[in-house]
C-alpha cells in the first residue's frame, strides 16, 4: 500500500475514532473560515489534535485543502474537495 493511501486510511480511521474519543471534550477553535457544521469542524479538529496539533486550532479552507494549525509547529492539511461537507481524500501532517 503506498504512503498516500496509508495516510488517507489512517485519517479516516482517526476521524471515526475521534468522533467517539473526543465526543465529551470540545476542541477549542480559534478561527474557522469553512462552511462546515460544528460537528464536522470538531471531528476534523479532533483528528488534527490527535496527530499533534495543539489547541486552540485554526481551520483554513482554500482550493479544496483544509489546513488545521494550532499553537504547535505541527499542522495538518486535509484534502477535502469542495462543498459544505468535507470529503477526506488524504491528509498530511508535519
Protein backbone atom coordinates (compact mmCIF):
# COMPACT_ATOMS: atom_id res chain seq x y z
CA UNK A 1 0.00 0.00 0.00
CA UNK A 2 1.52 3.32 -0.95
CA UNK A 3 2.10 6.04 1.61
CA UNK A 4 -0.70 8.34 0.41
CA UNK A 5 -3.33 5.61 0.70
CA UNK A 6 -1.98 4.62 4.10
CA UNK A 7 -2.27 8.19 5.39
CA UNK A 8 -5.75 8.60 3.88
CA UNK A 9 -6.95 5.41 5.55
CA UNK A 10 -5.29 6.44 8.80
CA UNK A 11 -7.04 9.81 8.65
CA UNK A 12 -10.43 8.23 8.07
CA UNK A 13 -9.85 5.81 10.94
CA UNK A 14 -8.67 8.62 13.21
CA UNK A 15 -11.67 10.72 12.24
CA UNK A 16 -14.03 7.86 13.07
CA UNK A 17 -12.30 7.21 16.38
CA UNK A 18 -12.13 10.90 17.24
CA UNK A 19 -15.89 11.14 16.99
CA UNK A 20 -16.12 8.75 19.93
CA UNK A 21 -12.95 9.66 21.83
CA UNK A 22 -13.44 13.41 21.71
CA UNK A 23 -17.22 13.44 21.98
CA UNK A 24 -17.00 14.57 25.61
CA UNK A 25 -14.20 17.09 25.03
CA UNK A 26 -14.81 20.03 22.76
CA UNK A 27 -11.74 21.17 20.87
CA UNK A 28 -11.05 24.91 21.20
CA UNK A 29 -11.27 26.57 17.78
CA UNK A 30 -9.64 29.99 17.45
CA UNK A 31 -10.73 30.62 13.85
CA UNK A 32 -12.65 28.81 11.13
CA UNK A 33 -13.37 30.03 7.58
CA UNK A 34 -15.24 26.89 6.47
CA UNK A 35 -18.95 26.41 5.94
CA UNK A 36 -18.83 23.02 7.71
CA UNK A 37 -21.20 22.15 10.53
CA UNK A 38 -19.91 22.46 14.09
CA UNK A 39 -19.90 18.65 14.32
CA UNK A 40 -17.67 18.31 11.23
CA UNK A 41 -15.37 21.08 12.49
CA UNK A 42 -14.99 19.28 15.82
CA UNK A 43 -14.24 15.95 14.10
CA UNK A 44 -11.59 17.48 11.84
CA UNK A 45 -10.09 19.46 14.73
CA UNK A 46 -10.03 16.37 16.96
CA UNK A 47 -8.27 14.39 14.24
CA UNK A 48 -5.63 17.11 13.88
CA UNK A 49 -5.17 17.30 17.66
CA UNK A 50 -4.71 13.53 17.80
CA UNK A 51 -1.95 13.93 15.19
CA UNK A 52 -0.04 16.57 17.16
CA UNK A 53 -1.70 19.94 16.54
CA UNK A 54 -2.12 21.85 19.80
CA UNK A 55 -5.23 23.77 20.83
CA UNK A 56 -6.62 26.28 20.12
CA UNK A 57 -6.79 25.30 16.45
CA UNK A 58 -7.43 27.37 13.34
CA UNK A 59 -9.14 25.90 10.27
CA UNK A 60 -8.47 27.49 6.90
CA UNK A 61 -10.07 26.17 3.71
CA UNK A 62 -8.65 27.13 0.30
CA UNK A 63 -8.82 25.34 -3.03
CA UNK A 64 -10.14 22.04 -1.65
CA UNK A 65 -7.45 21.83 1.03
CA UNK A 66 -8.18 22.40 4.70
CA UNK A 67 -5.23 23.44 6.85
CA UNK A 68 -5.56 22.89 10.59
CA UNK A 69 -2.90 24.59 12.68
CA UNK A 70 -2.51 25.47 16.32
CA UNK A 71 -0.08 26.63 18.96
CA UNK A 72 2.50 23.98 17.99
CA UNK A 73 4.62 23.78 14.85
CA UNK A 74 2.55 20.81 13.66
CA UNK A 75 -0.07 21.49 11.01
CA UNK A 76 -2.32 19.11 9.10
CA UNK A 77 -3.54 19.57 5.55
CA UNK A 78 -6.69 17.62 4.67
CA UNK A 79 -7.67 17.18 1.02
CA UNK A 80 -11.44 17.68 1.40
CA UNK A 81 -12.69 18.77 -2.02
CA UNK A 82 -15.40 21.39 -2.48
CA UNK A 83 -18.80 21.71 -0.87
CA UNK A 84 -20.40 22.09 2.52
CA UNK A 85 -19.37 18.62 3.71
CA UNK A 86 -15.74 17.50 3.93
CA UNK A 87 -14.86 14.50 1.78
CA UNK A 88 -11.43 13.47 3.03
CA UNK A 89 -9.25 12.24 0.20
CA UNK A 90 -5.96 12.44 2.09
CA UNK A 91 -4.15 14.07 4.97
CA UNK A 92 -0.61 15.24 5.56
CA UNK A 93 0.62 16.33 8.99
CA UNK A 94 4.05 17.85 9.53
